[in-house]
mmCIF file of all heavy atoms, coordinates in Angstrom:
data_MODEL
# 
_entry.id   MODEL 
# 
loop_
_atom_site.group_PDB 
_atom_site.id 
_atom_site.type_symbol 
_atom_site.label_atom_id 
_atom_site.label_alt_id 
_atom_site.label_comp_id 
_atom_site.label_asym_id 
_atom_site.label_entity_id 
_atom_site.label_seq_id 
_atom_site.pdbx_PDB_ins_code 
_atom_site.Cartn_x 
_atom_site.Cartn_y 
_atom_site.Cartn_z 
_atom_site.occupancy 
_atom_site.B_iso_or_equiv 
_atom_site.pdbx_formal_charge 
_atom_site.auth_seq_id 
_atom_site.auth_comp_id 
_atom_site.auth_asym_id 
_atom_site.auth_atom_id 
_atom_site.pdbx_PDB_model_num 
ATOM 1   N N   . GLU A 1 1  ? 2.592   -56.981 -35.508 1.00 0.00 ? 1  GLU A N   1 
ATOM 2   C CA  . GLU A 1 1  ? 1.639   -56.393 -34.575 1.00 0.00 ? 1  GLU A CA  1 
ATOM 3   C C   . GLU A 1 1  ? 0.251   -56.371 -35.213 1.00 0.00 ? 1  GLU A C   1 
ATOM 4   O O   . GLU A 1 1  ? 0.072   -55.926 -36.343 1.00 0.00 ? 1  GLU A O   1 
ATOM 5   C CB  . GLU A 1 1  ? 2.062   -54.968 -34.220 1.00 0.00 ? 1  GLU A CB  1 
ATOM 6   C CG  . GLU A 1 1  ? 1.128   -54.309 -33.205 1.00 0.00 ? 1  GLU A CG  1 
ATOM 7   C CD  . GLU A 1 1  ? 1.540   -52.879 -32.904 1.00 0.00 ? 1  GLU A CD  1 
ATOM 8   O OE1 . GLU A 1 1  ? 2.523   -52.412 -33.511 1.00 0.00 ? 1  GLU A OE1 1 
ATOM 9   O OE2 . GLU A 1 1  ? 0.881   -52.237 -32.080 1.00 0.00 ? 1  GLU A OE2 1 
ATOM 10  N N   . THR A 1 2  ? -0.725  -56.894 -34.510 1.00 0.00 ? 2  THR A N   1 
ATOM 11  C CA  . THR A 1 2  ? -2.092  -56.953 -35.016 1.00 0.00 ? 2  THR A CA  1 
ATOM 12  C C   . THR A 1 2  ? -2.893  -55.781 -34.455 1.00 0.00 ? 2  THR A C   1 
ATOM 13  O O   . THR A 1 2  ? -2.937  -55.572 -33.244 1.00 0.00 ? 2  THR A O   1 
ATOM 14  C CB  . THR A 1 2  ? -2.770  -58.270 -34.614 1.00 0.00 ? 2  THR A CB  1 
ATOM 15  O OG1 . THR A 1 2  ? -2.000  -59.363 -35.132 1.00 0.00 ? 2  THR A OG1 1 
ATOM 16  C CG2 . THR A 1 2  ? -4.181  -58.353 -35.182 1.00 0.00 ? 2  THR A CG2 1 
ATOM 17  N N   . VAL A 1 3  ? -3.496  -55.029 -35.358 1.00 0.00 ? 3  VAL A N   1 
ATOM 18  C CA  . VAL A 1 3  ? -4.326  -53.897 -34.959 1.00 0.00 ? 3  VAL A CA  1 
ATOM 19  C C   . VAL A 1 3  ? -5.733  -54.117 -35.500 1.00 0.00 ? 3  VAL A C   1 
ATOM 20  O O   . VAL A 1 3  ? -5.917  -54.333 -36.705 1.00 0.00 ? 3  VAL A O   1 
ATOM 21  C CB  . VAL A 1 3  ? -3.759  -52.564 -35.506 1.00 0.00 ? 3  VAL A CB  1 
ATOM 22  C CG1 . VAL A 1 3  ? -4.660  -51.404 -35.104 1.00 0.00 ? 3  VAL A CG1 1 
ATOM 23  C CG2 . VAL A 1 3  ? -2.346  -52.342 -34.996 1.00 0.00 ? 3  VAL A CG2 1 
ATOM 24  N N   . VAL A 1 4  ? -6.704  -54.116 -34.630 1.00 0.00 ? 4  VAL A N   1 
ATOM 25  C CA  . VAL A 1 4  ? -8.091  -54.309 -35.032 1.00 0.00 ? 4  VAL A CA  1 
ATOM 26  C C   . VAL A 1 4  ? -8.732  -52.950 -35.280 1.00 0.00 ? 4  VAL A C   1 
ATOM 27  O O   . VAL A 1 4  ? -8.753  -52.085 -34.395 1.00 0.00 ? 4  VAL A O   1 
ATOM 28  C CB  . VAL A 1 4  ? -8.878  -55.081 -33.942 1.00 0.00 ? 4  VAL A CB  1 
ATOM 29  C CG1 . VAL A 1 4  ? -10.341 -55.240 -34.362 1.00 0.00 ? 4  VAL A CG1 1 
ATOM 30  C CG2 . VAL A 1 4  ? -8.249  -56.440 -33.700 1.00 0.00 ? 4  VAL A CG2 1 
ATOM 31  N N   . LEU A 1 5  ? -9.219  -52.757 -36.511 1.00 0.00 ? 5  LEU A N   1 
ATOM 32  C CA  . LEU A 1 5  ? -9.904  -51.523 -36.860 1.00 0.00 ? 5  LEU A CA  1 
ATOM 33  C C   . LEU A 1 5  ? -11.401 -51.759 -36.752 1.00 0.00 ? 5  LEU A C   1 
ATOM 34  O O   . LEU A 1 5  ? -11.973 -52.521 -37.527 1.00 0.00 ? 5  LEU A O   1 
ATOM 35  C CB  . LEU A 1 5  ? -9.534  -51.089 -38.285 1.00 0.00 ? 5  LEU A CB  1 
ATOM 36  C CG  . LEU A 1 5  ? -8.063  -50.776 -38.532 1.00 0.00 ? 5  LEU A CG  1 
ATOM 37  C CD1 . LEU A 1 5  ? -7.828  -50.429 -39.991 1.00 0.00 ? 5  LEU A CD1 1 
ATOM 38  C CD2 . LEU A 1 5  ? -7.612  -49.628 -37.643 1.00 0.00 ? 5  LEU A CD2 1 
ATOM 39  N N   . ARG A 1 6  ? -12.013 -51.136 -35.784 1.00 0.00 ? 6  ARG A N   1 
ATOM 40  C CA  . ARG A 1 6  ? -13.449 -51.329 -35.580 1.00 0.00 ? 6  ARG A CA  1 
ATOM 41  C C   . ARG A 1 6  ? -14.084 -49.983 -35.245 1.00 0.00 ? 6  ARG A C   1 
ATOM 42  O O   . ARG A 1 6  ? -13.599 -49.274 -34.357 1.00 0.00 ? 6  ARG A O   1 
ATOM 43  C CB  . ARG A 1 6  ? -13.700 -52.337 -34.456 1.00 0.00 ? 6  ARG A CB  1 
ATOM 44  C CG  . ARG A 1 6  ? -15.187 -52.587 -34.186 1.00 0.00 ? 6  ARG A CG  1 
ATOM 45  C CD  . ARG A 1 6  ? -15.393 -53.597 -33.062 1.00 0.00 ? 6  ARG A CD  1 
ATOM 46  N NE  . ARG A 1 6  ? -14.918 -54.913 -33.453 1.00 0.00 ? 6  ARG A NE  1 
ATOM 47  C CZ  . ARG A 1 6  ? -14.128 -55.673 -32.695 1.00 0.00 ? 6  ARG A CZ  1 
ATOM 48  N NH1 . ARG A 1 6  ? -13.714 -55.212 -31.524 1.00 0.00 ? 6  ARG A NH1 1 
ATOM 49  N NH2 . ARG A 1 6  ? -13.751 -56.864 -33.098 1.00 0.00 ? 6  ARG A NH2 1 
ATOM 50  N N   . LYS A 1 7  ? -15.123 -49.635 -35.965 1.00 0.00 ? 7  LYS A N   1 
ATOM 51  C CA  . LYS A 1 7  ? -15.825 -48.386 -35.739 1.00 0.00 ? 7  LYS A CA  1 
ATOM 52  C C   . LYS A 1 7  ? -17.308 -48.683 -35.488 1.00 0.00 ? 7  LYS A C   1 
ATOM 53  O O   . LYS A 1 7  ? -17.937 -49.423 -36.242 1.00 0.00 ? 7  LYS A O   1 
ATOM 54  C CB  . LYS A 1 7  ? -15.684 -47.452 -36.942 1.00 0.00 ? 7  LYS A CB  1 
ATOM 55  C CG  . LYS A 1 7  ? -14.248 -47.053 -37.269 1.00 0.00 ? 7  LYS A CG  1 
ATOM 56  C CD  . LYS A 1 7  ? -13.650 -46.173 -36.192 1.00 0.00 ? 7  LYS A CD  1 
ATOM 57  C CE  . LYS A 1 7  ? -12.250 -45.732 -36.564 1.00 0.00 ? 7  LYS A CE  1 
ATOM 58  N NZ  . LYS A 1 7  ? -11.629 -44.882 -35.524 1.00 0.00 ? 7  LYS A NZ  1 
ATOM 59  N N   . ALA A 1 8  ? -17.835 -48.110 -34.415 1.00 0.00 ? 8  ALA A N   1 
ATOM 60  C CA  . ALA A 1 8  ? -19.252 -48.301 -34.104 1.00 0.00 ? 8  ALA A CA  1 
ATOM 61  C C   . ALA A 1 8  ? -20.139 -47.460 -35.012 1.00 0.00 ? 8  ALA A C   1 
ATOM 62  O O   . ALA A 1 8  ? -21.246 -47.862 -35.381 1.00 0.00 ? 8  ALA A O   1 
ATOM 63  C CB  . ALA A 1 8  ? -19.523 -47.952 -32.627 1.00 0.00 ? 8  ALA A CB  1 
ATOM 64  N N   . ASN A 1 9  ? -19.635 -46.299 -35.402 1.00 0.00 ? 9  ASN A N   1 
ATOM 65  C CA  . ASN A 1 9  ? -20.388 -45.415 -36.280 1.00 0.00 ? 9  ASN A CA  1 
ATOM 66  C C   . ASN A 1 9  ? -20.290 -45.923 -37.719 1.00 0.00 ? 9  ASN A C   1 
ATOM 67  O O   . ASN A 1 9  ? -19.201 -46.086 -38.253 1.00 0.00 ? 9  ASN A O   1 
ATOM 68  C CB  . ASN A 1 9  ? -19.813 -43.993 -36.187 1.00 0.00 ? 9  ASN A CB  1 
ATOM 69  C CG  . ASN A 1 9  ? -20.677 -42.980 -36.926 1.00 0.00 ? 9  ASN A CG  1 
ATOM 70  O OD1 . ASN A 1 9  ? -21.186 -43.254 -38.002 1.00 0.00 ? 9  ASN A OD1 1 
ATOM 71  N ND2 . ASN A 1 9  ? -20.818 -41.806 -36.334 1.00 0.00 ? 9  ASN A ND2 1 
ATOM 72  N N   . PRO A 1 10 ? -21.416 -46.188 -38.408 1.00 0.00 ? 10 PRO A N   1 
ATOM 73  C CA  . PRO A 1 10 ? -21.370 -46.699 -39.790 1.00 0.00 ? 10 PRO A CA  1 
ATOM 74  C C   . PRO A 1 10 ? -20.608 -45.785 -40.738 1.00 0.00 ? 10 PRO A C   1 
ATOM 75  O O   . PRO A 1 10 ? -19.865 -46.269 -41.605 1.00 0.00 ? 10 PRO A O   1 
ATOM 76  C CB  . PRO A 1 10 ? -22.847 -46.802 -40.180 1.00 0.00 ? 10 PRO A CB  1 
ATOM 77  C CG  . PRO A 1 10 ? -23.570 -46.928 -38.889 1.00 0.00 ? 10 PRO A CG  1 
ATOM 78  C CD  . PRO A 1 10 ? -22.795 -46.121 -37.905 1.00 0.00 ? 10 PRO A CD  1 
ATOM 79  N N   . LEU A 1 11 ? -20.769 -44.480 -40.607 1.00 0.00 ? 11 LEU A N   1 
ATOM 80  C CA  . LEU A 1 11 ? -20.046 -43.556 -41.490 1.00 0.00 ? 11 LEU A CA  1 
ATOM 81  C C   . LEU A 1 11 ? -18.539 -43.646 -41.265 1.00 0.00 ? 11 LEU A C   1 
ATOM 82  O O   . LEU A 1 11 ? -17.760 -43.606 -42.224 1.00 0.00 ? 11 LEU A O   1 
ATOM 83  C CB  . LEU A 1 11 ? -20.538 -42.128 -41.257 1.00 0.00 ? 11 LEU A CB  1 
ATOM 84  C CG  . LEU A 1 11 ? -22.001 -41.847 -41.655 1.00 0.00 ? 11 LEU A CG  1 
ATOM 85  C CD1 . LEU A 1 11 ? -22.375 -40.404 -41.318 1.00 0.00 ? 11 LEU A CD1 1 
ATOM 86  C CD2 . LEU A 1 11 ? -22.213 -42.129 -43.134 1.00 0.00 ? 11 LEU A CD2 1 
ATOM 87  N N   . ALA A 1 12 ? -18.156 -43.750 -40.002 1.00 0.00 ? 12 ALA A N   1 
ATOM 88  C CA  . ALA A 1 12 ? -16.729 -43.889 -39.696 1.00 0.00 ? 12 ALA A CA  1 
ATOM 89  C C   . ALA A 1 12 ? -16.186 -45.214 -40.239 1.00 0.00 ? 12 ALA A C   1 
ATOM 90  O O   . ALA A 1 12 ? -15.055 -45.282 -40.738 1.00 0.00 ? 12 ALA A O   1 
ATOM 91  C CB  . ALA A 1 12 ? -16.501 -43.793 -38.192 1.00 0.00 ? 12 ALA A CB  1 
ATOM 92  N N   . ALA A 1 13 ? -17.011 -46.261 -40.155 1.00 0.00 ? 13 ALA A N   1 
ATOM 93  C CA  . ALA A 1 13 ? -16.597 -47.567 -40.672 1.00 0.00 ? 13 ALA A CA  1 
ATOM 94  C C   . ALA A 1 13 ? -16.424 -47.510 -42.189 1.00 0.00 ? 13 ALA A C   1 
ATOM 95  O O   . ALA A 1 13 ? -15.477 -48.073 -42.742 1.00 0.00 ? 13 ALA A O   1 
ATOM 96  C CB  . ALA A 1 13 ? -17.625 -48.627 -40.294 1.00 0.00 ? 13 ALA A CB  1 
ATOM 97  N N   . ILE A 1 14 ? -17.337 -46.820 -42.890 1.00 0.00 ? 14 ILE A N   1 
ATOM 98  C CA  . ILE A 1 14 ? -17.223 -46.667 -44.344 1.00 0.00 ? 14 ILE A CA  1 
ATOM 99  C C   . ILE A 1 14 ? -15.951 -45.895 -44.701 1.00 0.00 ? 14 ILE A C   1 
ATOM 100 O O   . ILE A 1 14 ? -15.255 -46.225 -45.663 1.00 0.00 ? 14 ILE A O   1 
ATOM 101 C CB  . ILE A 1 14 ? -18.478 -45.963 -44.904 1.00 0.00 ? 14 ILE A CB  1 
ATOM 102 C CG1 . ILE A 1 14 ? -19.696 -46.883 -44.771 1.00 0.00 ? 14 ILE A CG1 1 
ATOM 103 C CG2 . ILE A 1 14 ? -18.267 -45.566 -46.351 1.00 0.00 ? 14 ILE A CG2 1 
ATOM 104 C CD1 . ILE A 1 14 ? -20.992 -46.226 -45.156 1.00 0.00 ? 14 ILE A CD1 1 
ATOM 105 N N   . LYS A 1 15 ? -15.654 -44.872 -43.905 1.00 0.00 ? 15 LYS A N   1 
ATOM 106 C CA  . LYS A 1 15 ? -14.445 -44.087 -44.141 1.00 0.00 ? 15 LYS A CA  1 
ATOM 107 C C   . LYS A 1 15 ? -13.190 -44.955 -44.026 1.00 0.00 ? 15 LYS A C   1 
ATOM 108 O O   . LYS A 1 15 ? -12.272 -44.859 -44.856 1.00 0.00 ? 15 LYS A O   1 
ATOM 109 C CB  . LYS A 1 15 ? -14.388 -42.933 -43.147 1.00 0.00 ? 15 LYS A CB  1 
ATOM 110 C CG  . LYS A 1 15 ? -13.224 -41.977 -43.365 1.00 0.00 ? 15 LYS A CG  1 
ATOM 111 C CD  . LYS A 1 15 ? -13.264 -40.824 -42.371 1.00 0.00 ? 15 LYS A CD  1 
ATOM 112 C CE  . LYS A 1 15 ? -12.083 -39.880 -42.574 1.00 0.00 ? 15 LYS A CE  1 
ATOM 113 N NZ  . LYS A 1 15 ? -12.103 -38.769 -41.592 1.00 0.00 ? 15 LYS A NZ  1 
ATOM 114 N N   . VAL A 1 16 ? -13.161 -45.816 -43.007 1.00 0.00 ? 16 VAL A N   1 
ATOM 115 C CA  . VAL A 1 16 ? -12.020 -46.728 -42.843 1.00 0.00 ? 16 VAL A CA  1 
ATOM 116 C C   . VAL A 1 16 ? -11.937 -47.682 -44.027 1.00 0.00 ? 16 VAL A C   1 
ATOM 117 O O   . VAL A 1 16 ? -10.851 -47.948 -44.571 1.00 0.00 ? 16 VAL A O   1 
ATOM 118 C CB  . VAL A 1 16 ? -12.140 -47.518 -41.522 1.00 0.00 ? 16 VAL A CB  1 
ATOM 119 C CG1 . VAL A 1 16 ? -11.079 -48.614 -41.457 1.00 0.00 ? 16 VAL A CG1 1 
ATOM 120 C CG2 . VAL A 1 16 ? -12.006 -46.589 -40.333 1.00 0.00 ? 16 VAL A CG2 1 
ATOM 121 N N   . GLY A 1 17 ? -13.093 -48.198 -44.467 1.00 0.00 ? 17 GLY A N   1 
ATOM 122 C CA  . GLY A 1 17 ? -13.108 -49.105 -45.612 1.00 0.00 ? 17 GLY A CA  1 
ATOM 123 C C   . GLY A 1 17 ? -12.599 -48.455 -46.886 1.00 0.00 ? 17 GLY A C   1 
ATOM 124 O O   . GLY A 1 17 ? -11.855 -49.070 -47.657 1.00 0.00 ? 17 GLY A O   1 
ATOM 125 N N   . VAL A 1 18 ? -12.985 -47.206 -47.103 1.00 0.00 ? 18 VAL A N   1 
ATOM 126 C CA  . VAL A 1 18 ? -12.519 -46.483 -48.296 1.00 0.00 ? 18 VAL A CA  1 
ATOM 127 C C   . VAL A 1 18 ? -11.009 -46.281 -48.243 1.00 0.00 ? 18 VAL A C   1 
ATOM 128 O O   . VAL A 1 18 ? -10.307 -46.473 -49.253 1.00 0.00 ? 18 VAL A O   1 
ATOM 129 C CB  . VAL A 1 18 ? -13.244 -45.124 -48.411 1.00 0.00 ? 18 VAL A CB  1 
ATOM 130 C CG1 . VAL A 1 18 ? -12.600 -44.265 -49.496 1.00 0.00 ? 18 VAL A CG1 1 
ATOM 131 C CG2 . VAL A 1 18 ? -14.722 -45.332 -48.718 1.00 0.00 ? 18 VAL A CG2 1 
ATOM 132 N N   . LYS A 1 19 ? -10.479 -45.928 -47.082 1.00 0.00 ? 19 LYS A N   1 
ATOM 133 C CA  . LYS A 1 19 ? -9.037  -45.726 -46.940 1.00 0.00 ? 19 LYS A CA  1 
ATOM 134 C C   . LYS A 1 19 ? -8.273  -47.021 -47.195 1.00 0.00 ? 19 LYS A C   1 
ATOM 135 O O   . LYS A 1 19 ? -7.252  -47.027 -47.890 1.00 0.00 ? 19 LYS A O   1 
ATOM 136 C CB  . LYS A 1 19 ? -8.712  -45.192 -45.535 1.00 0.00 ? 19 LYS A CB  1 
ATOM 137 C CG  . LYS A 1 19 ? -9.051  -43.723 -45.336 1.00 0.00 ? 19 LYS A CG  1 
ATOM 138 C CD  . LYS A 1 19 ? -8.590  -43.258 -43.963 1.00 0.00 ? 19 LYS A CD  1 
ATOM 139 C CE  . LYS A 1 19 ? -8.850  -41.762 -43.768 1.00 0.00 ? 19 LYS A CE  1 
ATOM 140 N NZ  . LYS A 1 19 ? -8.385  -41.295 -42.431 1.00 0.00 ? 19 LYS A NZ  1 
ATOM 141 N N   . LYS A 1 20 ? -8.772  -48.121 -46.629 1.00 0.00 ? 20 LYS A N   1 
ATOM 142 C CA  . LYS A 1 20 ? -8.092  -49.405 -46.816 1.00 0.00 ? 20 LYS A CA  1 
ATOM 143 C C   . LYS A 1 20 ? -8.155  -49.843 -48.275 1.00 0.00 ? 20 LYS A C   1 
ATOM 144 O O   . LYS A 1 20 ? -7.187  -50.387 -48.816 1.00 0.00 ? 20 LYS A O   1 
ATOM 145 C CB  . LYS A 1 20 ? -8.710  -50.466 -45.913 1.00 0.00 ? 20 LYS A CB  1 
ATOM 146 C CG  . LYS A 1 20 ? -8.543  -50.208 -44.433 1.00 0.00 ? 20 LYS A CG  1 
ATOM 147 C CD  . LYS A 1 20 ? -7.083  -50.182 -44.009 1.00 0.00 ? 20 LYS A CD  1 
ATOM 148 C CE  . LYS A 1 20 ? -6.425  -51.524 -44.083 1.00 0.00 ? 20 LYS A CE  1 
ATOM 149 N NZ  . LYS A 1 20 ? -5.023  -51.496 -43.583 1.00 0.00 ? 20 LYS A NZ  1 
ATOM 150 N N   . THR A 1 21 ? -9.305  -49.620 -48.926 1.00 0.00 ? 21 THR A N   1 
ATOM 151 C CA  . THR A 1 21 ? -9.430  -49.990 -50.339 1.00 0.00 ? 21 THR A CA  1 
ATOM 152 C C   . THR A 1 21 ? -8.464  -49.173 -51.191 1.00 0.00 ? 21 THR A C   1 
ATOM 153 O O   . THR A 1 21 ? -7.813  -49.707 -52.105 1.00 0.00 ? 21 THR A O   1 
ATOM 154 C CB  . THR A 1 21 ? -10.872 -49.772 -50.825 1.00 0.00 ? 21 THR A CB  1 
ATOM 155 O OG1 . THR A 1 21 ? -11.769 -50.531 -49.999 1.00 0.00 ? 21 THR A OG1 1 
ATOM 156 C CG2 . THR A 1 21 ? -11.029 -50.221 -52.270 1.00 0.00 ? 21 THR A CG2 1 
ATOM 157 N N   . TYR A 1 22 ? -8.366  -47.888 -50.908 1.00 0.00 ? 22 TYR A N   1 
ATOM 158 C CA  . TYR A 1 22 ? -7.400  -47.032 -51.622 1.00 0.00 ? 22 TYR A CA  1 
ATOM 159 C C   . TYR A 1 22 ? -5.982  -47.558 -51.429 1.00 0.00 ? 22 TYR A C   1 
ATOM 160 O O   . TYR A 1 22 ? -5.184  -47.608 -52.381 1.00 0.00 ? 22 TYR A O   1 
ATOM 161 C CB  . TYR A 1 22 ? -7.511  -45.599 -51.109 1.00 0.00 ? 22 TYR A CB  1 
ATOM 162 C CG  . TYR A 1 22 ? -6.391  -44.693 -51.577 1.00 0.00 ? 22 TYR A CG  1 
ATOM 163 C CD1 . TYR A 1 22 ? -6.388  -44.177 -52.876 1.00 0.00 ? 22 TYR A CD1 1 
ATOM 164 C CD2 . TYR A 1 22 ? -5.334  -44.372 -50.726 1.00 0.00 ? 22 TYR A CD2 1 
ATOM 165 C CE1 . TYR A 1 22 ? -5.349  -43.356 -53.310 1.00 0.00 ? 22 TYR A CE1 1 
ATOM 166 C CE2 . TYR A 1 22 ? -4.309  -43.557 -51.153 1.00 0.00 ? 22 TYR A CE2 1 
ATOM 167 C CZ  . TYR A 1 22 ? -4.317  -43.048 -52.443 1.00 0.00 ? 22 TYR A CZ  1 
ATOM 168 O OH  . TYR A 1 22 ? -3.284  -42.250 -52.873 1.00 0.00 ? 22 TYR A OH  1 
ATOM 169 N N   . TYR A 1 23 ? -5.667  -47.993 -50.222 1.00 0.00 ? 23 TYR A N   1 
ATOM 170 C CA  . TYR A 1 23 ? -4.331  -48.522 -49.933 1.00 0.00 ? 23 TYR A CA  1 
ATOM 171 C C   . TYR A 1 23 ? -4.076  -49.794 -50.742 1.00 0.00 ? 23 TYR A C   1 
ATOM 172 O O   . TYR A 1 23 ? -2.999  -49.971 -51.314 1.00 0.00 ? 23 TYR A O   1 
ATOM 173 C CB  . TYR A 1 23 ? -4.204  -48.806 -48.434 1.00 0.00 ? 23 TYR A CB  1 
ATOM 174 C CG  . TYR A 1 23 ? -2.987  -49.616 -48.070 1.00 0.00 ? 23 TYR A CG  1 
ATOM 175 C CD1 . TYR A 1 23 ? -1.714  -49.038 -48.041 1.00 0.00 ? 23 TYR A CD1 1 
ATOM 176 C CD2 . TYR A 1 23 ? -3.107  -50.966 -47.762 1.00 0.00 ? 23 TYR A CD2 1 
ATOM 177 C CE1 . TYR A 1 23 ? -0.605  -49.784 -47.722 1.00 0.00 ? 23 TYR A CE1 1 
ATOM 178 C CE2 . TYR A 1 23 ? -1.990  -51.720 -47.436 1.00 0.00 ? 23 TYR A CE2 1 
ATOM 179 C CZ  . TYR A 1 23 ? -0.744  -51.125 -47.418 1.00 0.00 ? 23 TYR A CZ  1 
ATOM 180 O OH  . TYR A 1 23 ? 0.364   -51.867 -47.104 1.00 0.00 ? 23 TYR A OH  1 
ATOM 181 N N   . PHE A 1 24 ? -5.070  -50.697 -50.808 1.00 0.00 ? 24 PHE A N   1 
ATOM 182 C CA  . PHE A 1 24 ? -4.900  -51.941 -51.559 1.00 0.00 ? 24 PHE A CA  1 
ATOM 183 C C   . PHE A 1 24 ? -4.718  -51.672 -53.049 1.00 0.00 ? 24 PHE A C   1 
ATOM 184 O O   . PHE A 1 24 ? -3.879  -52.283 -53.706 1.00 0.00 ? 24 PHE A O   1 
ATOM 185 C CB  . PHE A 1 24 ? -6.099  -52.869 -51.341 1.00 0.00 ? 24 PHE A CB  1 
ATOM 186 C CG  . PHE A 1 24 ? -6.214  -53.401 -49.948 1.00 0.00 ? 24 PHE A CG  1 
ATOM 187 C CD1 . PHE A 1 24 ? -7.443  -53.513 -49.321 1.00 0.00 ? 24 PHE A CD1 1 
ATOM 188 C CD2 . PHE A 1 24 ? -5.082  -53.786 -49.246 1.00 0.00 ? 24 PHE A CD2 1 
ATOM 189 C CE1 . PHE A 1 24 ? -7.546  -53.991 -48.040 1.00 0.00 ? 24 PHE A CE1 1 
ATOM 190 C CE2 . PHE A 1 24 ? -5.173  -54.271 -47.954 1.00 0.00 ? 24 PHE A CE2 1 
ATOM 191 C CZ  . PHE A 1 24 ? -6.415  -54.382 -47.346 1.00 0.00 ? 24 PHE A CZ  1 
ATOM 192 N N   . VAL A 1 25 ? -5.520  -50.750 -53.599 1.00 0.00 ? 25 VAL A N   1 
ATOM 193 C CA  . VAL A 1 25 ? -5.402  -50.410 -55.019 1.00 0.00 ? 25 VAL A CA  1 
ATOM 194 C C   . VAL A 1 25 ? -4.027  -49.809 -55.308 1.00 0.00 ? 25 VAL A C   1 
ATOM 195 O O   . VAL A 1 25 ? -3.355  -50.170 -56.283 1.00 0.00 ? 25 VAL A O   1 
ATOM 196 C CB  . VAL A 1 25 ? -6.530  -49.444 -55.439 1.00 0.00 ? 25 VAL A CB  1 
ATOM 197 C CG1 . VAL A 1 25 ? -6.277  -48.900 -56.838 1.00 0.00 ? 25 VAL A CG1 1 
ATOM 198 C CG2 . VAL A 1 25 ? -7.881  -50.146 -55.379 1.00 0.00 ? 25 VAL A CG2 1 
# 
């Protein structure tokens, strides 16, 4: 299942990026 993570708010987008980076690490 493909889920697209997209946030219009830059702060929300940064938050998603930090969570994904933590998951990868």
